[in-house]
Every structure is written in structure tokens, then in C-alpha cells.
All heavy atoms as atom14 arrays in JSON, in Angstrom:
{
  "sequence": "EIDWDTLKGIWYYPQAVRPLVLGKMRQYQENRQVLIFRKPQELQ",
  "atom14_mask": [
    [1, 1, 1, 1, 1, 1, 1, 1, 1, 0, 0, 0, 0, 0],
    [1, 1, 1, 1, 1, 1, 1, 1, 0, 0, 0, 0, 0, 0],
    [1, 1, 1, 1, 1, 1, 1, 1, 0, 0, 0, 0, 0, 0],
    [1, 1, 1, 1, 1, 1, 1, 1, 1, 1, 1, 1, 1, 1],
    [1, 1, 1, 1, 1, 1, 1, 1, 0, 0, 0, 0, 0, 0],
    [1, 1, 1, 1, 1, 1, 1, 0, 0, 0, 0, 0, 0, 0],
    [1, 1, 1, 1, 1, 1, 1, 1, 0, 0, 0, 0, 0, 0],
    [1, 1, 1, 1, 1, 1, 1, 1, 1, 0, 0, 0, 0, 0],
    [1, 1, 1, 1, 0, 0, 0, 0, 0, 0, 0, 0, 0, 0],
    [1, 1, 1, 1, 1, 1, 1, 1, 0, 0, 0, 0, 0, 0],
    [1, 1, 1, 1, 1, 1, 1, 1, 1, 1, 1, 1, 1, 1],
    [1, 1, 1, 1, 1, 1, 1, 1, 1, 1, 1, 1, 0, 0],
    [1, 1, 1, 1, 1, 1, 1, 1, 1, 1, 1, 1, 0, 0],
    [1, 1, 1, 1, 1, 1, 1, 0, 0, 0, 0, 0, 0, 0],
    [1, 1, 1, 1, 1, 1, 1, 1, 1, 0, 0, 0, 0, 0],
    [1, 1, 1, 1, 1, 0, 0, 0, 0, 0, 0, 0, 0, 0],
    [1, 1, 1, 1, 1, 1, 1, 0, 0, 0, 0, 0, 0, 0],
    [1, 1, 1, 1, 1, 1, 1, 1, 1, 1, 1, 0, 0, 0],
    [1, 1, 1, 1, 1, 1, 1, 0, 0, 0, 0, 0, 0, 0],
    [1, 1, 1, 1, 1, 1, 1, 1, 0, 0, 0, 0, 0, 0],
    [1, 1, 1, 1, 1, 1, 1, 0, 0, 0, 0, 0, 0, 0],
    [1, 1, 1, 1, 1, 1, 1, 1, 0, 0, 0, 0, 0, 0],
    [1, 1, 1, 1, 0, 0, 0, 0, 0, 0, 0, 0, 0, 0],
    [1, 1, 1, 1, 1, 1, 1, 1, 1, 0, 0, 0, 0, 0],
    [1, 1, 1, 1, 1, 1, 1, 1, 0, 0, 0, 0, 0, 0],
    [1, 1, 1, 1, 1, 1, 1, 1, 1, 1, 1, 0, 0, 0],
    [1, 1, 1, 1, 1, 1, 1, 1, 1, 0, 0, 0, 0, 0],
    [1, 1, 1, 1, 1, 1, 1, 1, 1, 1, 1, 1, 0, 0],
    [1, 1, 1, 1, 1, 1, 1, 1, 1, 0, 0, 0, 0, 0],
    [1, 1, 1, 1, 1, 1, 1, 1, 1, 0, 0, 0, 0, 0],
    [1, 1, 1, 1, 1, 1, 1, 1, 0, 0, 0, 0, 0, 0],
    [1, 1, 1, 1, 1, 1, 1, 1, 1, 1, 1, 0, 0, 0],
    [1, 1, 1, 1, 1, 1, 1, 1, 1, 0, 0, 0, 0, 0],
    [1, 1, 1, 1, 1, 1, 1, 0, 0, 0, 0, 0, 0, 0],
    [1, 1, 1, 1, 1, 1, 1, 1, 0, 0, 0, 0, 0, 0],
    [1, 1, 1, 1, 1, 1, 1, 1, 0, 0, 0, 0, 0, 0],
    [1, 1, 1, 1, 1, 1, 1, 1, 1, 1, 1, 0, 0, 0],
    [1, 1, 1, 1, 1, 1, 1, 1, 1, 1, 1, 0, 0, 0],
    [1, 1, 1, 1, 1, 1, 1, 1, 1, 0, 0, 0, 0, 0],
    [1, 1, 1, 1, 1, 1, 1, 0, 0, 0, 0, 0, 0, 0],
    [1, 1, 1, 1, 1, 1, 1, 1, 1, 0, 0, 0, 0, 0],
    [1, 1, 1, 1, 1, 1, 1, 1, 1, 0, 0, 0, 0, 0],
    [1, 1, 1, 1, 1, 1, 1, 1, 0, 0, 0, 0, 0, 0],
    [1, 1, 1, 1, 1, 1, 1, 1, 1, 0, 0, 0, 0, 0]
  ],
  "atom14_positions": [
    [[-138.73, 109.56, -109.7], [-138.89, 109.66, -108.25], [-140.35, 109.21, -107.8], [-140.4, 108.5, -106.87], [-138.54, 110.98, -107.65], [-138.58, 110.91, -106.07], [-138.55, 112.33, -105.55], [-138.66, 113.28, -106.33], [-138.55, 112.48, -104.31], [0.0, 0.0, 0.0], [0.0, 0.0, 0.0], [0.0, 0.0, 0.0], [0.0, 0.0, 0.0], [0.0, 0.0, 0.0]],
    [[-141.33, 109.79, -108.41], [-142.62, 109.64, -107.96], [-143.5, 108.64, -108.81], [-143.65, 108.92, -110.11], [-143.37, 110.99, -107.93], [-142.61, 111.91, -107.0], [-144.79, 110.86, -107.37], [-142.48, 111.55, -105.56], [0.0, 0.0, 0.0], [0.0, 0.0, 0.0], [0.0, 0.0, 0.0], [0.0, 0.0, 0.0], [0.0, 0.0, 0.0], [0.0, 0.0, 0.0]],
    [[-144.04, 107.69, -108.21], [-145.11, 106.8, -108.97], [-146.17, 106.5, -107.92], [-146.23, 106.99, -106.92], [-144.36, 105.59, -109.51], [-143.68, 104.74, -108.43], [-143.95, 104.91, -107.2], [-142.82, 103.82, -108.76], [0.0, 0.0, 0.0], [0.0, 0.0, 0.0], [0.0, 0.0, 0.0], [0.0, 0.0, 0.0], [0.0, 0.0, 0.0], [0.0, 0.0, 0.0]],
    [[-147.08, 105.7, -108.4], [-148.3, 105.38, -107.59], [-147.84, 104.65, -106.31], [-148.43, 104.98, -105.16], [-149.2, 104.49, -108.34], [-150.44, 104.08, -107.56], [-150.94, 102.88, -107.25], [-151.44, 105.05, -107.02], [-152.01, 102.97, -106.51], [-152.45, 104.26, -106.43], [-151.62, 106.46, -107.08], [-153.56, 104.87, -105.69], [-152.72, 107.01, -106.43], [-153.65, 106.21, -105.74]],
    [[-146.9, 103.75, -106.34], [-146.4, 103.07, -105.11], [-145.79, 104.06, -104.12], [-146.01, 103.89, -102.98], [-145.45, 102.0, -105.48], [-146.09, 100.82, -106.23], [-147.29, 100.62, -105.93], [-145.38, 100.08, -106.98], [0.0, 0.0, 0.0], [0.0, 0.0, 0.0], [0.0, 0.0, 0.0], [0.0, 0.0, 0.0], [0.0, 0.0, 0.0], [0.0, 0.0, 0.0]],
    [[-145.1, 105.04, -104.67], [-144.48, 106.03, -103.75], [-145.66, 106.88, -103.04], [-145.48, 107.05, -101.8], [-143.63, 106.97, -104.55], [-142.54, 106.26, -105.23], [-142.92, 108.01, -103.64], [0.0, 0.0, 0.0], [0.0, 0.0, 0.0], [0.0, 0.0, 0.0], [0.0, 0.0, 0.0], [0.0, 0.0, 0.0], [0.0, 0.0, 0.0], [0.0, 0.0, 0.0]],
    [[-146.53, 107.2, -103.86], [-147.65, 107.97, -103.25], [-148.46, 107.17, -102.12], [-148.73, 107.66, -101.05], [-148.64, 108.57, -104.22], [-148.11, 109.53, -105.31], [-149.07, 109.88, -106.36], [-147.65, 110.75, -104.58], [0.0, 0.0, 0.0], [0.0, 0.0, 0.0], [0.0, 0.0, 0.0], [0.0, 0.0, 0.0], [0.0, 0.0, 0.0], [0.0, 0.0, 0.0]],
    [[-148.67, 105.86, -102.48], [-149.34, 105.08, -101.28], [-148.41, 104.98, -100.22], [-148.93, 104.84, -99.07], [-149.61, 103.68, -102.0], [-150.8, 103.68, -103.01], [-151.2, 102.2, -103.31], [-150.15, 101.4, -103.91], [-150.69, 100.04, -104.23], [0.0, 0.0, 0.0], [0.0, 0.0, 0.0], [0.0, 0.0, 0.0], [0.0, 0.0, 0.0], [0.0, 0.0, 0.0]],
    [[-147.1, 104.81, -100.43], [-146.22, 104.71, -99.26], [-146.09, 105.79, -98.38], [-146.17, 105.8, -97.15], [0.0, 0.0, 0.0], [0.0, 0.0, 0.0], [0.0, 0.0, 0.0], [0.0, 0.0, 0.0], [0.0, 0.0, 0.0], [0.0, 0.0, 0.0], [0.0, 0.0, 0.0], [0.0, 0.0, 0.0], [0.0, 0.0, 0.0], [0.0, 0.0, 0.0]],
    [[-146.32, 107.08, -99.05], [-146.36, 108.31, -98.26], [-147.65, 108.41, -97.43], [-147.7, 108.65, -96.27], [-146.38, 109.51, -99.17], [-144.93, 109.59, -99.86], [-146.6, 110.76, -98.39], [-144.83, 110.76, -100.9], [0.0, 0.0, 0.0], [0.0, 0.0, 0.0], [0.0, 0.0, 0.0], [0.0, 0.0, 0.0], [0.0, 0.0, 0.0], [0.0, 0.0, 0.0]],
    [[-148.82, 107.89, -98.14], [-150.08, 107.93, -97.45], [-150.07, 107.08, -96.12], [-150.65, 107.44, -94.99], [-151.3, 107.73, -98.29], [-152.57, 107.93, -97.68], [-153.43, 106.92, -97.21], [-153.13, 109.21, -97.32], [-154.51, 107.5, -96.69], [-154.44, 108.88, -96.73], [-152.76, 110.42, -97.43], [-155.29, 109.85, -96.28], [-153.63, 111.44, -96.96], [-154.84, 111.17, -96.38]],
    [[-149.5, 105.89, -96.26], [-149.56, 105.0, -95.23], [-148.3, 104.9, -94.31], [-148.19, 104.19, -93.4], [-149.75, 103.51, -95.78], [-151.09, 103.35, -96.34], [-151.28, 103.14, -97.78], [-152.29, 103.16, -95.57], [-152.52, 103.06, -98.23], [-153.51, 102.98, -96.14], [-153.69, 102.94, -97.5], [-154.93, 102.73, -98.03], [0.0, 0.0, 0.0], [0.0, 0.0, 0.0]],
    [[-147.49, 106.0, -94.44], [-146.3, 106.06, -93.74], [-146.57, 106.26, -92.18], [-145.9, 105.6, -91.4], [-145.51, 107.31, -94.12], [-144.18, 107.43, -93.55], [-142.99, 106.89, -94.19], [-144.0, 108.06, -92.34], [-141.75, 107.13, -93.65], [-142.71, 108.22, -91.71], [-141.61, 107.81, -92.43], [-140.36, 107.91, -91.87], [0.0, 0.0, 0.0], [0.0, 0.0, 0.0]],
    [[-147.58, 106.99, -91.83], [-147.89, 107.09, -90.33], [-148.28, 105.77, -89.65], [-148.0, 105.52, -88.57], [-149.16, 108.06, -90.36], [-148.95, 108.88, -91.61], [-148.46, 107.89, -92.53], [0.0, 0.0, 0.0], [0.0, 0.0, 0.0], [0.0, 0.0, 0.0], [0.0, 0.0, 0.0], [0.0, 0.0, 0.0], [0.0, 0.0, 0.0], [0.0, 0.0, 0.0]],
    [[-148.92, 104.82, -90.39], [-149.38, 103.5, -89.89], [-148.17, 102.48, -90.08], [-147.98, 101.74, -89.17], [-150.53, 102.97, -90.61], [-151.88, 103.82, -90.28], [-151.95, 105.09, -91.33], [-151.16, 105.22, -92.24], [-152.99, 105.84, -91.02], [0.0, 0.0, 0.0], [0.0, 0.0, 0.0], [0.0, 0.0, 0.0], [0.0, 0.0, 0.0], [0.0, 0.0, 0.0]],
    [[-147.52, 102.52, -91.21], [-146.55, 101.46, -91.42], [-145.14, 101.7, -91.0], [-144.44, 100.79, -90.57], [-146.5, 101.27, -92.93], [0.0, 0.0, 0.0], [0.0, 0.0, 0.0], [0.0, 0.0, 0.0], [0.0, 0.0, 0.0], [0.0, 0.0, 0.0], [0.0, 0.0, 0.0], [0.0, 0.0, 0.0], [0.0, 0.0, 0.0], [0.0, 0.0, 0.0]],
    [[-144.74, 102.93, -91.04], [-143.2, 103.28, -90.76], [-143.09, 104.14, -89.47], [-142.13, 103.85, -88.68], [-142.64, 104.06, -91.91], [-141.16, 104.25, -91.75], [-142.86, 103.24, -93.32], [0.0, 0.0, 0.0], [0.0, 0.0, 0.0], [0.0, 0.0, 0.0], [0.0, 0.0, 0.0], [0.0, 0.0, 0.0], [0.0, 0.0, 0.0], [0.0, 0.0, 0.0]],
    [[-143.93, 105.14, -89.35], [-143.77, 105.94, -88.11], [-143.61, 105.29, -86.77], [-142.72, 105.65, -85.99], [-144.93, 106.91, -88.02], [-144.97, 108.01, -86.92], [-146.21, 108.83, -86.95], [-146.14, 109.8, -85.96], [-146.6, 109.71, -84.68], [-147.22, 108.54, -84.34], [-146.48, 110.67, -83.73], [0.0, 0.0, 0.0], [0.0, 0.0, 0.0], [0.0, 0.0, 0.0]],
    [[-144.37, 104.26, -86.35], [-144.14, 103.59, -85.19], [-142.76, 103.0, -85.0], [-142.21, 102.94, -84.01], [-145.18, 102.4, -85.13], [-146.25, 102.95, -86.15], [-145.5, 103.71, -87.15], [0.0, 0.0, 0.0], [0.0, 0.0, 0.0], [0.0, 0.0, 0.0], [0.0, 0.0, 0.0], [0.0, 0.0, 0.0], [0.0, 0.0, 0.0], [0.0, 0.0, 0.0]],
    [[-142.23, 102.5, -86.22], [-140.87, 101.96, -86.18], [-139.82, 102.96, -85.92], [-138.92, 102.83, -85.24], [-140.66, 101.19, -87.55], [-141.64, 100.07, -87.93], [-141.17, 99.49, -89.25], [-141.47, 99.02, -86.95], [0.0, 0.0, 0.0], [0.0, 0.0, 0.0], [0.0, 0.0, 0.0], [0.0, 0.0, 0.0], [0.0, 0.0, 0.0], [0.0, 0.0, 0.0]],
    [[-140.04, 104.18, -86.46], [-139.11, 105.21, -86.33], [-139.17, 105.71, -84.9], [-138.08, 105.92, -84.34], [-139.47, 106.54, -87.24], [-138.57, 107.69, -86.89], [-139.27, 106.06, -88.75], [0.0, 0.0, 0.0], [0.0, 0.0, 0.0], [0.0, 0.0, 0.0], [0.0, 0.0, 0.0], [0.0, 0.0, 0.0], [0.0, 0.0, 0.0], [0.0, 0.0, 0.0]],
    [[-140.25, 105.85, -84.29], [-140.43, 106.38, -82.95], [-139.78, 105.27, -82.02], [-139.12, 105.62, -81.0], [-141.85, 106.63, -82.61], [-142.44, 107.75, -83.34], [-143.91, 107.83, -82.83], [-141.76, 109.14, -83.02], [0.0, 0.0, 0.0], [0.0, 0.0, 0.0], [0.0, 0.0, 0.0], [0.0, 0.0, 0.0], [0.0, 0.0, 0.0], [0.0, 0.0, 0.0]],
    [[-139.91, 104.05, -82.35], [-139.34, 102.95, -81.51], [-137.75, 102.99, -81.47], [-137.15, 102.95, -80.53], [0.0, 0.0, 0.0], [0.0, 0.0, 0.0], [0.0, 0.0, 0.0], [0.0, 0.0, 0.0], [0.0, 0.0, 0.0], [0.0, 0.0, 0.0], [0.0, 0.0, 0.0], [0.0, 0.0, 0.0], [0.0, 0.0, 0.0], [0.0, 0.0, 0.0]],
    [[-137.18, 103.23, -82.73], [-135.71, 103.31, -82.8], [-135.27, 104.61, -82.08], [-134.14, 104.59, -81.45], [-135.34, 103.49, -84.33], [-135.52, 102.13, -85.09], [-134.47, 101.16, -84.44], [-134.44, 99.79, -85.12], [-133.64, 98.78, -84.46], [0.0, 0.0, 0.0], [0.0, 0.0, 0.0], [0.0, 0.0, 0.0], [0.0, 0.0, 0.0], [0.0, 0.0, 0.0]],
    [[-136.05, 105.71, -82.2], [-135.62, 106.91, -81.46], [-135.61, 106.73, -80.03], [-134.8, 107.24, -79.28], [-136.44, 108.05, -81.96], [-136.34, 108.46, -83.47], [-137.21, 109.96, -83.88], [-136.07, 111.21, -83.62], [0.0, 0.0, 0.0], [0.0, 0.0, 0.0], [0.0, 0.0, 0.0], [0.0, 0.0, 0.0], [0.0, 0.0, 0.0], [0.0, 0.0, 0.0]],
    [[-136.57, 106.02, -79.51], [-136.58, 105.73, -78.11], [-135.38, 104.9, -77.62], [-134.84, 105.07, -76.69], [-137.91, 105.0, -77.64], [-139.09, 105.97, -77.49], [-140.4, 105.3, -76.94], [-140.91, 104.4, -77.78], [-141.88, 104.74, -78.66], [-142.39, 106.0, -78.73], [-142.34, 103.78, -79.43], [0.0, 0.0, 0.0], [0.0, 0.0, 0.0], [0.0, 0.0, 0.0]],
    [[-135.19, 103.83, -78.53], [-134.15, 102.97, -78.34], [-132.63, 103.58, -78.22], [-131.84, 103.29, -77.42], [-134.11, 101.84, -79.36], [-132.87, 100.84, -79.24], [-133.02, 99.8, -80.35], [-133.91, 99.7, -81.08], [-131.86, 99.02, -80.46], [0.0, 0.0, 0.0], [0.0, 0.0, 0.0], [0.0, 0.0, 0.0], [0.0, 0.0, 0.0], [0.0, 0.0, 0.0]],
    [[-132.53, 104.6, -79.02], [-131.17, 105.24, -79.22], [-131.23, 106.7, -78.65], [-130.24, 107.45, -78.86], [-130.7, 105.32, -80.59], [-130.38, 103.97, -81.21], [-131.24, 103.18, -81.93], [-129.09, 103.41, -80.82], [-131.0, 101.97, -82.39], [-128.8, 102.05, -81.33], [-129.69, 101.4, -82.15], [-129.35, 100.16, -82.63], [0.0, 0.0, 0.0], [0.0, 0.0, 0.0]],
    [[-132.23, 107.1, -77.8], [-132.26, 108.44, -77.36], [-131.2, 108.91, -76.33], [-130.85, 110.03, -76.21], [-133.64, 108.77, -76.69], [-133.9, 107.96, -75.42], [-135.33, 108.31, -74.99], [-135.78, 109.46, -75.02], [-136.1, 107.29, -74.44], [0.0, 0.0, 0.0], [0.0, 0.0, 0.0], [0.0, 0.0, 0.0], [0.0, 0.0, 0.0], [0.0, 0.0, 0.0]],
    [[-130.65, 107.77, -75.56], [-129.64, 108.08, -74.54], [-128.41, 108.73, -75.18], [-127.87, 108.24, -76.06], [-129.3, 106.85, -73.76], [-128.38, 107.14, -72.63], [-128.15, 105.84, -71.73], [-128.69, 104.8, -72.13], [-127.38, 105.96, -70.79], [0.0, 0.0, 0.0], [0.0, 0.0, 0.0], [0.0, 0.0, 0.0], [0.0, 0.0, 0.0], [0.0, 0.0, 0.0]],
    [[-127.99, 109.82, -74.6], [-126.75, 110.52, -75.05], [-126.83, 111.17, -76.45], [-125.81, 111.27, -77.0], [-125.51, 109.64, -74.93], [-125.27, 109.17, -73.44], [-125.39, 110.01, -72.53], [-124.88, 107.99, -73.39], [0.0, 0.0, 0.0], [0.0, 0.0, 0.0], [0.0, 0.0, 0.0], [0.0, 0.0, 0.0], [0.0, 0.0, 0.0], [0.0, 0.0, 0.0]],
    [[-128.08, 111.31, -76.92], [-128.32, 111.87, -78.27], [-129.38, 113.05, -78.12], [-130.19, 112.9, -77.29], [-128.77, 110.84, -79.24], [-127.66, 109.86, -79.58], [-128.15, 108.75, -80.5], [-127.15, 107.82, -80.9], [-126.7, 106.82, -80.1], [-127.3, 106.57, -78.95], [-125.7, 106.03, -80.56], [0.0, 0.0, 0.0], [0.0, 0.0, 0.0], [0.0, 0.0, 0.0]],
    [[-129.28, 113.92, -79.06], [-130.38, 114.81, -79.24], [-131.47, 114.39, -80.02], [-131.16, 113.93, -81.18], [-129.82, 116.23, -79.73], [-128.72, 116.84, -78.89], [-128.28, 118.08, -79.56], [-129.03, 119.18, -79.64], [-127.05, 118.1, -80.17], [0.0, 0.0, 0.0], [0.0, 0.0, 0.0], [0.0, 0.0, 0.0], [0.0, 0.0, 0.0], [0.0, 0.0, 0.0]],
    [[-132.69, 114.3, -79.55], [-133.87, 113.62, -80.23], [-134.77, 114.88, -80.58], [-135.33, 115.54, -79.55], [-134.55, 112.7, -79.37], [-135.8, 112.16, -80.16], [-133.49, 111.46, -79.16], [0.0, 0.0, 0.0], [0.0, 0.0, 0.0], [0.0, 0.0, 0.0], [0.0, 0.0, 0.0], [0.0, 0.0, 0.0], [0.0, 0.0, 0.0], [0.0, 0.0, 0.0]],
    [[-135.1, 115.08, -81.75], [-135.94, 116.27, -82.16], [-137.02, 115.71, -83.1], [-136.74, 115.11, -84.06], [-135.09, 117.23, -82.9], [-133.88, 117.82, -82.19], [-132.98, 118.75, -83.02], [-134.34, 118.77, -81.03], [0.0, 0.0, 0.0], [0.0, 0.0, 0.0], [0.0, 0.0, 0.0], [0.0, 0.0, 0.0], [0.0, 0.0, 0.0], [0.0, 0.0, 0.0]],
    [[-138.24, 116.04, -82.74], [-139.48, 115.6, -83.53], [-140.22, 116.78, -83.84], [-140.71, 117.56, -82.99], [-140.32, 114.51, -82.77], [-139.53, 113.35, -82.37], [-141.54, 114.18, -83.59], [-140.27, 112.42, -81.51], [0.0, 0.0, 0.0], [0.0, 0.0, 0.0], [0.0, 0.0, 0.0], [0.0, 0.0, 0.0], [0.0, 0.0, 0.0], [0.0, 0.0, 0.0]],
    [[-140.43, 117.11, -85.18], [-141.13, 118.29, -85.62], [-142.36, 117.74, -86.33], [-142.36, 116.99, -87.29], [-140.28, 119.04, -86.53], [-139.1, 119.68, -85.88], [-137.89, 119.12, -85.95], [-139.17, 120.77, -84.99], [-136.71, 119.61, -85.32], [-138.08, 121.23, -84.36], [-136.82, 120.71, -84.58], [0.0, 0.0, 0.0], [0.0, 0.0, 0.0], [0.0, 0.0, 0.0]],
    [[-143.6, 118.31, -86.07], [-144.84, 117.87, -86.55], [-145.39, 118.76, -87.59], [-146.39, 118.55, -88.23], [-145.85, 117.54, -85.52], [-145.39, 116.35, -84.6], [-146.47, 115.87, -83.63], [-146.11, 114.62, -83.01], [-145.25, 114.49, -81.99], [-144.73, 115.63, -81.46], [-144.96, 113.33, -81.52], [0.0, 0.0, 0.0], [0.0, 0.0, 0.0], [0.0, 0.0, 0.0]],
    [[-144.66, 119.99, -87.61], [-145.14, 121.1, -88.58], [-143.83, 121.8, -89.21], [-142.86, 121.94, -88.28], [-146.04, 122.15, -87.9], [-147.43, 121.67, -87.49], [-148.24, 122.77, -86.85], [-149.55, 122.27, -86.31], [-150.36, 123.36, -85.74], [0.0, 0.0, 0.0], [0.0, 0.0, 0.0], [0.0, 0.0, 0.0], [0.0, 0.0, 0.0], [0.0, 0.0, 0.0]],
    [[-143.96, 122.08, -90.46], [-142.75, 122.83, -91.02], [-142.36, 124.07, -90.28], [-141.23, 124.48, -90.14], [-143.19, 123.07, -92.45], [-144.05, 122.09, -92.77], [-144.84, 121.83, -91.35], [0.0, 0.0, 0.0], [0.0, 0.0, 0.0], [0.0, 0.0, 0.0], [0.0, 0.0, 0.0], [0.0, 0.0, 0.0], [0.0, 0.0, 0.0], [0.0, 0.0, 0.0]],
    [[-143.46, 124.82, -89.64], [-143.2, 126.03, -89.04], [-142.38, 125.73, -87.7], [-141.5, 126.61, -87.39], [-144.49, 126.68, -88.52], [-145.35, 127.14, -89.71], [-146.32, 125.96, -90.17], [-146.09, 124.82, -90.04], [-147.39, 126.4, -90.76], [0.0, 0.0, 0.0], [0.0, 0.0, 0.0], [0.0, 0.0, 0.0], [0.0, 0.0, 0.0], [0.0, 0.0, 0.0]],
    [[-142.49, 124.67, -87.04], [-141.75, 124.37, -85.92], [-140.28, 124.17, -86.2], [-139.4, 124.62, -85.54], [-142.23, 123.09, -85.28], [-143.65, 123.14, -84.59], [-144.18, 121.85, -84.16], [-143.47, 120.78, -84.3], [-145.31, 121.85, -83.55], [0.0, 0.0, 0.0], [0.0, 0.0, 0.0], [0.0, 0.0, 0.0], [0.0, 0.0, 0.0], [0.0, 0.0, 0.0]],
    [[-140.0, 123.42, -87.33], [-138.64, 123.25, -87.8], [-137.95, 124.56, -88.18], [-136.84, 124.73, -87.89], [-138.66, 122.23, -88.94], [-137.35, 121.85, -89.53], [-136.3, 121.4, -88.39], [-137.46, 120.9, -90.71], [0.0, 0.0, 0.0], [0.0, 0.0, 0.0], [0.0, 0.0, 0.0], [0.0, 0.0, 0.0], [0.0, 0.0, 0.0], [0.0, 0.0, 0.0]],
    [[-138.71, 125.33, -88.94], [-138.17, 126.65, -89.39], [-137.84, 127.56, -88.18], [-136.81, 128.25, -88.17], [-139.09, 127.33, -90.4], [-139.04, 126.65, -91.84], [-137.71, 126.59, -92.36], [-136.94, 127.49, -92.27], [-137.55, 125.35, -93.05], [0.0, 0.0, 0.0], [0.0, 0.0, 0.0], [0.0, 0.0, 0.0], [0.0, 0.0, 0.0], [0.0, 0.0, 0.0]]
  ]
}
């Protein structure tokens, strides 16, 4: 599962993927529950 490319992908996820995720969530938020958790404690 884990290699150097995976670790780099995790580190740059906020810049490379996060904006795309938030964009899709905004696009599909109507008639759906949208939940964003920034800390594990919030989710628990």
C-alpha cells in the first residue's frame, strides 16, 4: 500500500486534490447531507 509516491500524494493532497473535492461537494450539495471534518475528534 505505501511507497514514496503515496507519501508525496498525501503531503500534496491539500493543494492537488482538496480543491477538487470541495468543488464537487458544492456541485452536489443540494438535497444531500454534506459533512466536513477537519479533526478526528470532530468525527468521533
